[in-house]
Amino acid sequence: MAQAKFNMMKFDNRLNEELTLDDGRVVWLSRSSTVIITVWCFIENTPYLLLGERGIGCPNEVGKWNLPCGYLDWNETLTEGAYREVFEETGVNIRDIPTSSILLSHLDQPWLVSSSPYRKHPDSPQNISHHYAVLFTADKLPKLSADYCEPDEVGDIHWAGMETLHSYDYAFRHKQLIGQFLSRTEVKPYFKLQGFEIK
């Protein structure tokens, strides 16, 4: 019988670090999961995007603007984490949006998962990001509040109109993510995108 030959596969991964805690438990430092949520509110067919300014308590990108986002906690699903992050950072409870008011929802499953380990800076966290979204109608824009977040996590919160999206200084790649979401086939019908482009 001929001996089977196996090709050695090469991988670029680096093993997770093992860490022993003071109480004897062993944990591994692995890549973290994050949620990023695109929330659009339509008032009489005019869309507004929910954005937050990163406060002085954030570890990086202070003063820049981002979509609601954050790390997944223990004992919650990705969708629950998305609900929580939007509420903590903006005061908007998207669970309360009436089903009849929802135009498009990517709250049960992400519309995008970003897992590339390659970052501009080698020491940047290699997060696995799950991107959620909801488009809904309302008579008025929901009230915004930073009362539920960590101290100094949020500097300011805006419902941003389409014509103002270019004026924000965005954190991370959130400007590109907004453009990527707006370019999706199922999203385009809800926006008047003639002559509008965000890169």
Protein backbone atom coordinates (compact mmCIF):
# COMPACT_ATOMS: atom_id res chain seq x y z
CA MET A 1 0.00 0.00 0.00
CA ALA A 2 1.39 3.31 -1.01
CA GLN A 3 2.00 5.65 1.86
CA ALA A 4 -0.31 8.64 1.83
CA LYS A 5 1.36 11.92 1.22
CA PHE A 6 0.16 15.08 2.87
CA ASN A 7 1.02 18.60 1.88
CA MET A 8 2.02 20.76 4.79
CA MET A 9 -0.31 23.76 4.95
CA LYS A 10 1.12 27.11 5.96
CA PHE A 11 -0.82 29.56 8.11
CA ASP A 12 0.04 33.08 9.19
CA ASN A 13 -1.74 32.87 12.53
CA ARG A 14 -0.16 33.54 15.90
CA LEU A 15 -1.36 31.41 18.81
CA ASN A 16 -3.45 33.10 21.49
CA GLU A 17 -1.52 33.95 24.64
CA GLU A 18 -2.28 31.92 27.75
CA LEU A 19 -2.69 33.85 30.99
CA THR A 20 -3.06 32.45 34.53
CA LEU A 21 -5.12 34.65 36.84
CA ASP A 22 -4.47 35.15 40.56
CA ASP A 23 -7.27 32.69 41.40
CA GLY A 24 -5.70 29.97 39.26
CA ARG A 25 -8.02 30.23 36.30
CA VAL A 26 -6.41 30.02 32.87
CA VAL A 27 -7.68 32.36 30.14
CA TRP A 28 -6.55 33.02 26.60
CA LEU A 29 -6.06 36.45 25.08
CA SER A 30 -7.98 36.03 21.86
CA ARG A 31 -9.51 38.39 19.31
CA SER A 32 -12.54 40.32 20.55
CA SER A 33 -16.00 40.61 18.99
CA THR A 34 -17.50 44.04 18.44
CA VAL A 35 -20.83 45.33 17.14
CA ILE A 36 -21.26 48.41 14.93
CA ILE A 37 -24.79 49.70 14.35
CA THR A 38 -26.07 51.94 11.56
CA VAL A 39 -29.31 53.62 12.68
CA TRP A 40 -31.31 55.74 10.23
CA CYS A 41 -34.48 57.62 11.15
CA PHE A 42 -36.71 58.93 8.37
CA ILE A 43 -38.81 62.03 9.02
CA GLU A 44 -41.20 62.66 6.10
CA ASN A 45 -38.83 60.73 3.78
CA THR A 46 -35.79 62.69 4.99
CA PRO A 47 -33.09 60.38 6.45
CA TYR A 48 -31.00 61.14 9.54
CA LEU A 49 -28.05 59.04 10.70
CA LEU A 50 -27.22 58.46 14.37
CA LEU A 51 -23.63 59.51 15.18
CA GLY A 52 -21.68 59.94 18.41
CA GLU A 53 -18.58 61.96 19.21
CA ARG A 54 -15.91 60.05 21.12
CA GLY A 55 -15.36 61.64 24.54
CA ILE A 56 -12.21 62.23 26.55
CA GLY A 57 -12.73 58.92 28.36
CA CYS A 58 -12.17 56.89 25.18
CA PRO A 59 -8.78 55.22 24.72
CA ASN A 60 -8.31 56.54 21.18
CA GLU A 61 -9.79 58.67 18.38
CA VAL A 62 -11.02 61.26 20.92
CA GLY A 63 -13.12 64.00 19.36
CA LYS A 64 -13.89 61.99 16.24
CA TRP A 65 -17.33 60.70 15.27
CA ASN A 66 -18.53 57.13 14.92
CA LEU A 67 -21.55 54.93 14.53
CA PRO A 68 -22.72 53.41 17.83
CA CYS A 69 -20.32 50.55 18.54
CA GLY A 70 -18.62 48.54 21.24
CA TYR A 71 -17.47 45.19 22.56
CA LEU A 72 -19.70 42.19 23.11
CA ASP A 73 -20.19 41.42 26.80
CA TRP A 74 -20.58 38.09 28.55
CA ASN A 75 -24.09 36.60 28.60
CA GLU A 76 -25.43 38.48 25.58
CA THR A 77 -26.00 37.69 21.93
CA LEU A 78 -24.63 39.89 19.18
CA THR A 79 -28.08 41.39 18.60
CA GLU A 80 -28.48 42.11 22.32
CA GLY A 81 -25.06 43.75 22.29
CA ALA A 82 -26.16 45.94 19.37
CA TYR A 83 -29.29 47.05 21.24
CA ARG A 84 -27.26 47.79 24.37
CA GLU A 85 -24.54 49.80 22.66
CA VAL A 86 -27.04 52.03 20.86
CA PHE A 87 -28.91 52.67 24.12
CA GLU A 88 -25.80 53.26 26.24
CA GLU A 89 -24.14 55.64 23.78
CA THR A 90 -27.19 57.54 22.49
CA GLY A 91 -30.20 56.87 24.75
CA VAL A 92 -32.15 55.48 21.78
CA ASN A 93 -33.95 52.20 22.55
CA ILE A 94 -34.30 50.53 19.16
CA ARG A 95 -36.24 47.68 20.78
CA ASP A 96 -39.11 50.15 21.16
CA ILE A 97 -39.39 50.89 17.44
CA PRO A 98 -42.83 49.66 16.30
CA THR A 99 -42.63 46.90 13.72
CA SER A 100 -44.89 48.92 11.45
CA SER A 101 -42.33 51.75 11.43
CA ILE A 102 -39.34 49.64 10.37
CA LEU A 103 -38.41 50.06 6.71
CA LEU A 104 -35.40 47.74 6.72
CA SER A 105 -33.76 45.74 9.48
CA HIS A 106 -30.45 43.95 9.81
CA LEU A 107 -30.84 43.41 13.56
CA ASP A 108 -31.25 39.63 13.55
CA GLN A 109 -28.25 39.00 11.32
CA PRO A 110 -25.35 41.34 10.49
CA TRP A 111 -25.18 42.82 7.00
CA LEU A 112 -21.40 42.58 7.17
CA VAL A 113 -18.76 40.77 9.23
CA SER A 114 -15.24 42.23 9.18
CA SER A 115 -12.54 39.85 10.35
CA SER A 116 -9.38 40.97 8.57
CA PRO A 117 -6.46 40.97 11.04
CA TYR A 118 -4.52 43.52 9.01
CA ARG A 119 -4.51 47.02 10.49
CA LYS A 120 -2.79 50.32 9.72
CA HIS A 121 -0.97 50.11 13.04
CA PRO A 122 0.52 46.71 14.06
CA ASP A 123 -0.58 47.15 17.69
CA SER A 124 -4.22 47.90 16.82
CA PRO A 125 -6.75 45.40 18.21
CA GLN A 126 -7.74 42.75 15.69
CA ASN A 127 -11.46 42.96 16.43
CA ILE A 128 -14.02 40.83 14.65
CA SER A 129 -16.72 43.38 13.84
CA HIS A 130 -20.37 42.53 13.27
CA HIS A 131 -22.30 45.26 11.44
CA TYR A 132 -26.00 45.75 12.16
CA ALA A 133 -28.49 48.28 10.81
CA VAL A 134 -32.05 49.52 11.06
CA LEU A 135 -34.04 52.05 9.02
CA PHE A 136 -37.28 53.33 10.51
CA THR A 137 -39.81 56.14 10.21
CA ALA A 138 -40.98 58.48 12.97
CA ASP A 139 -42.95 61.68 13.45
CA LYS A 140 -39.95 63.26 15.18
CA LEU A 141 -36.36 62.32 15.86
CA PRO A 142 -35.93 60.25 19.04
CA LYS A 143 -34.46 62.12 21.99
CA LEU A 144 -30.73 61.64 22.50
CA SER A 145 -28.95 61.19 25.83
CA ALA A 146 -25.48 60.27 27.10
CA ASP A 147 -26.77 59.50 30.59
CA TYR A 148 -26.38 55.72 30.20
CA CYS A 149 -22.76 55.45 29.03
CA GLU A 150 -19.45 55.27 30.86
CA PRO A 151 -18.14 58.60 32.22
CA ASP A 152 -16.76 60.80 29.42
CA GLU A 153 -17.31 58.06 26.82
CA VAL A 154 -19.48 60.31 24.64
CA GLY A 155 -18.80 63.96 23.89
CA ASP A 156 -21.87 64.74 21.80
CA ILE A 157 -24.60 62.94 19.84
CA HIS A 158 -26.20 63.97 16.55
CA TRP A 159 -28.94 62.95 14.17
CA ALA A 160 -26.95 63.87 11.04
CA GLY A 161 -28.65 64.80 7.79
CA MET A 162 -27.37 63.48 4.48
CA GLU A 163 -26.04 66.91 3.48
CA THR A 164 -23.85 67.09 6.60
CA LEU A 165 -22.26 63.62 6.52
CA HIS A 166 -19.17 64.93 4.69
CA SER A 167 -18.45 67.47 7.42
CA TYR A 168 -17.71 65.00 10.22
CA ASP A 169 -14.24 63.81 11.19
CA TYR A 170 -14.84 60.07 11.49
CA ALA A 171 -13.11 57.55 13.71
CA PHE A 172 -11.80 54.24 12.43
CA ARG A 173 -13.27 53.36 9.01
CA HIS A 174 -16.80 54.47 9.80
CA LYS A 175 -17.00 56.93 6.92
CA GLN A 176 -16.25 54.13 4.48
CA LEU A 177 -18.73 51.86 6.26
CA ILE A 178 -21.51 54.41 5.82
CA GLY A 179 -20.78 54.58 2.09
CA GLN A 180 -20.60 50.80 1.86
CA PHE A 181 -23.99 50.44 3.53
CA LEU A 182 -25.61 53.08 1.32
CA SER A 183 -24.36 51.26 -1.79
CA ARG A 184 -26.19 48.04 -0.94
CA THR A 185 -28.94 47.04 -3.37
CA GLU A 186 -31.63 46.65 -0.71
CA VAL A 187 -30.75 50.03 0.84
CA LYS A 188 -30.60 52.32 -2.22
CA PRO A 189 -34.39 52.59 -2.79
CA TYR A 190 -34.81 54.36 0.56
CA PHE A 191 -32.36 57.17 -0.26
CA LYS A 192 -32.09 59.86 -2.88
CA LEU A 193 -28.51 59.20 -3.84
CA GLN A 194 -28.27 61.21 -7.08
CA GLY A 195 -24.95 62.99 -6.90
CA PHE A 196 -24.29 61.79 -3.34
CA GLU A 197 -21.18 59.78 -2.63
CA ILE A 198 -19.26 59.20 0.55
CA LYS A 199 -15.85 57.50 0.51
